[in-house]
Amino acid sequence: MTPHYSGYYTKVQDPGDWENPNPIVFLTVKKGVNFCFNVLFDEFRAKEILKDEYFPEVAKNILRKWLSESSNLSNLVKNWIEAALKEYGVGAKTRLGYGIFE
């Protein structure tokens, strides 16, 4: 992305060839690069959430269930992250296919 007429877009000036293009760096990752995601959710945070009066009760019930079945929690979170990255992606321009994982 390289806006050529920044004055036109920001200062209500007429566009002209006298303006200098302003390149915007758009980083991408080469296909085939492997990622490792770490998720930390400790007992302190769980207790804080359970005390929060604004946190939805439905979500608190799910959290209580997780805490009682901690062995299954890591697989559950892994599946959620994997589904979210494949379905929705991360970052800007996901509608253009960037940030979608395979």
C-alpha atoms as a PDB file:
ATOM      1  CA  MET A   1       0.000   0.000   0.000  1.00  0.00           C
ATOM      2  CA  THR A   2       1.436   3.356  -0.982  1.00  0.00           C
ATOM      3  CA  PRO A   3      -0.762   6.457  -0.721  1.00  0.00           C
ATOM      4  CA  HIS A   4       0.366   8.904  -3.397  1.00  0.00           C
ATOM      5  CA  TYR A   5      -1.777  11.877  -2.393  1.00  0.00           C
ATOM      6  CA  SER A   6      -1.657  12.139   1.402  1.00  0.00           C
ATOM      7  CA  GLY A   7      -2.546  15.840   1.331  1.00  0.00           C
ATOM      8  CA  TYR A   8      -5.690  15.026  -0.619  1.00  0.00           C
ATOM      9  CA  TYR A   9      -6.742  12.393   1.909  1.00  0.00           C
ATOM     10  CA  THR A  10      -5.812  14.293   5.082  1.00  0.00           C
ATOM     11  CA  LYS A  11      -5.786  18.052   4.416  1.00  0.00           C
ATOM     12  CA  VAL A  12      -8.467  18.510   1.771  1.00  0.00           C
ATOM     13  CA  GLN A  13      -5.924  19.546  -0.854  1.00  0.00           C
ATOM     14  CA  ASP A  14      -6.062  18.842  -4.535  1.00  0.00           C
ATOM     15  CA  PRO A  15      -4.102  15.741  -5.545  1.00  0.00           C
ATOM     16  CA  GLY A  16      -0.976  16.454  -7.534  1.00  0.00           C
ATOM     17  CA  ASP A  17       2.234  14.947  -8.837  1.00  0.00           C
ATOM     18  CA  TRP A  18       4.263  17.198  -6.502  1.00  0.00           C
ATOM     19  CA  GLU A  19       3.414  14.986  -3.504  1.00  0.00           C
ATOM     20  CA  ASN A  20       5.762  12.169  -2.563  1.00  0.00           C
ATOM     21  CA  PRO A  21       4.402   8.642  -2.196  1.00  0.00           C
ATOM     22  CA  ASN A  22       4.365   7.399   1.388  1.00  0.00           C
ATOM     23  CA  PRO A  23       4.992   3.631   1.449  1.00  0.00           C
ATOM     24  CA  ILE A  24       3.289   1.715   4.241  1.00  0.00           C
ATOM     25  CA  VAL A  25       5.089  -1.471   5.188  1.00  0.00           C
ATOM     26  CA  PHE A  26       2.746  -4.442   5.147  1.00  0.00           C
ATOM     27  CA  LEU A  27       4.469  -7.433   6.674  1.00  0.00           C
ATOM     28  CA  THR A  28       3.531 -10.936   5.593  1.00  0.00           C
ATOM     29  CA  VAL A  29       4.735 -14.386   6.531  1.00  0.00           C
ATOM     30  CA  LYS A  30       5.848 -16.843   3.911  1.00  0.00           C
ATOM     31  CA  LYS A  31       3.573 -19.811   3.379  1.00  0.00           C
ATOM     32  CA  GLY A  32       4.740 -22.920   5.227  1.00  0.00           C
ATOM     33  CA  VAL A  33       6.075 -21.133   8.313  1.00  0.00           C
ATOM     34  CA  ASN A  34       5.153 -23.016  11.501  1.00  0.00           C
ATOM     35  CA  PHE A  35       3.779 -21.237  14.566  1.00  0.00           C
ATOM     36  CA  CYS A  36       3.623 -22.167  18.224  1.00  0.00           C
ATOM     37  CA  PHE A  37       0.972 -20.536  20.434  1.00  0.00           C
ATOM     38  CA  ASN A  38       1.176 -20.600  24.218  1.00  0.00           C
ATOM     39  CA  VAL A  39      -1.909 -19.981  26.334  1.00  0.00           C
ATOM     40  CA  LEU A  40      -1.661 -19.233  30.040  1.00  0.00           C
ATOM     41  CA  PHE A  41      -4.763 -19.263  32.162  1.00  0.00           C
ATOM     42  CA  ASP A  42      -3.986 -19.600  35.850  1.00  0.00           C
ATOM     43  CA  GLU A  43      -6.076 -20.160  38.960  1.00  0.00           C
ATOM     44  CA  PHE A  44      -5.763 -16.485  39.999  1.00  0.00           C
ATOM     45  CA  ARG A  45      -7.386 -15.267  36.771  1.00  0.00           C
ATOM     46  CA  ALA A  46     -10.095 -17.890  37.032  1.00  0.00           C
ATOM     47  CA  LYS A  47     -10.990 -16.770  40.557  1.00  0.00           C
ATOM     48  CA  GLU A  48     -11.000 -13.111  39.487  1.00  0.00           C
ATOM     49  CA  ILE A  49     -13.390 -13.879  36.648  1.00  0.00           C
ATOM     50  CA  LEU A  50     -15.688 -15.851  38.936  1.00  0.00           C
ATOM     51  CA  LYS A  51     -15.840 -12.860  41.327  1.00  0.00           C
ATOM     52  CA  ASP A  52     -16.605 -10.376  38.535  1.00  0.00           C
ATOM     53  CA  GLU A  53     -20.268  -9.376  38.762  1.00  0.00           C
ATOM     54  CA  TYR A  54     -20.331  -8.218  35.120  1.00  0.00           C
ATOM     55  CA  PHE A  55     -18.948 -11.441  33.675  1.00  0.00           C
ATOM     56  CA  PRO A  56     -21.838 -13.461  32.149  1.00  0.00           C
ATOM     57  CA  GLU A  57     -23.090 -16.298  34.344  1.00  0.00           C
ATOM     58  CA  VAL A  58     -23.165 -18.668  31.374  1.00  0.00           C
ATOM     59  CA  ALA A  59     -19.440 -18.120  30.852  1.00  0.00           C
ATOM     60  CA  LYS A  60     -18.788 -18.539  34.590  1.00  0.00           C
ATOM     61  CA  ASN A  61     -20.516 -21.919  34.483  1.00  0.00           C
ATOM     62  CA  ILE A  62     -18.302 -22.987  31.579  1.00  0.00           C
ATOM     63  CA  LEU A  63     -15.246 -21.855  33.549  1.00  0.00           C
ATOM     64  CA  ARG A  64     -16.364 -23.830  36.613  1.00  0.00           C
ATOM     65  CA  LYS A  65     -16.749 -26.912  34.428  1.00  0.00           C
ATOM     66  CA  TRP A  66     -13.262 -26.394  32.946  1.00  0.00           C
ATOM     67  CA  LEU A  67     -11.713 -26.087  36.377  1.00  0.00           C
ATOM     68  CA  SER A  68     -13.258 -29.384  37.421  1.00  0.00           C
ATOM     69  CA  GLU A  69     -12.075 -31.106  34.217  1.00  0.00           C
ATOM     70  CA  SER A  70      -8.641 -29.540  33.809  1.00  0.00           C
ATOM     71  CA  SER A  71      -7.217 -32.508  31.894  1.00  0.00           C
ATOM     72  CA  ASN A  72      -9.533 -31.815  28.943  1.00  0.00           C
ATOM     73  CA  LEU A  73      -8.996 -28.046  29.035  1.00  0.00           C
ATOM     74  CA  SER A  74      -5.787 -28.000  26.986  1.00  0.00           C
ATOM     75  CA  ASN A  75      -7.372 -29.969  24.126  1.00  0.00           C
ATOM     76  CA  LEU A  76     -10.483 -27.796  24.237  1.00  0.00           C
ATOM     77  CA  VAL A  77      -8.490 -24.551  24.068  1.00  0.00           C
ATOM     78  CA  LYS A  78      -6.256 -25.972  21.326  1.00  0.00           C
ATOM     79  CA  ASN A  79      -9.321 -26.851  19.239  1.00  0.00           C
ATOM     80  CA  TRP A  80     -10.849 -23.393  19.771  1.00  0.00           C
ATOM     81  CA  ILE A  81      -7.668 -21.556  18.769  1.00  0.00           C
ATOM     82  CA  GLU A  82      -7.214 -23.774  15.743  1.00  0.00           C
ATOM     83  CA  ALA A  83     -10.816 -23.231  14.628  1.00  0.00           C
ATOM     84  CA  ALA A  84     -10.606 -19.459  15.188  1.00  0.00           C
ATOM     85  CA  LEU A  85      -7.384 -19.117  13.168  1.00  0.00           C
ATOM     86  CA  LYS A  86      -8.758 -21.190  10.297  1.00  0.00           C
ATOM     87  CA  GLU A  87     -12.230 -19.647  10.300  1.00  0.00           C
ATOM     88  CA  TYR A  88     -11.599 -15.978  11.166  1.00  0.00           C
ATOM     89  CA  GLY A  89      -7.847 -15.389  11.002  1.00  0.00           C
ATOM     90  CA  VAL A  90      -5.916 -12.661  12.803  1.00  0.00           C
ATOM     91  CA  GLY A  91      -4.851  -9.130  11.998  1.00  0.00           C
ATOM     92  CA  ALA A  92      -5.898  -6.731   9.297  1.00  0.00           C
ATOM     93  CA  LYS A  93      -6.987  -7.690   5.808  1.00  0.00           C
ATOM     94  CA  THR A  94      -8.482 -11.077   6.717  1.00  0.00           C
ATOM     95  CA  ARG A  95     -11.182 -10.416   4.130  1.00  0.00           C
ATOM     96  CA  LEU A  96      -8.436 -10.455   1.516  1.00  0.00           C
ATOM     97  CA  GLY A  97      -7.141 -13.782   2.755  1.00  0.00           C
ATOM     98  CA  TYR A  98      -4.299 -12.492   4.921  1.00  0.00           C
ATOM     99  CA  GLY A  99      -4.084 -13.870   8.451  1.00  0.00           C
ATOM    100  CA  ILE A 100      -6.080 -17.015   7.672  1.00  0.00           C
ATOM    101  CA  PHE A 101      -4.286 -20.151   8.841  1.00  0.00           C
ATOM    102  CA  GLU A 102      -4.415 -23.597   7.272  1.00  0.00           C
END
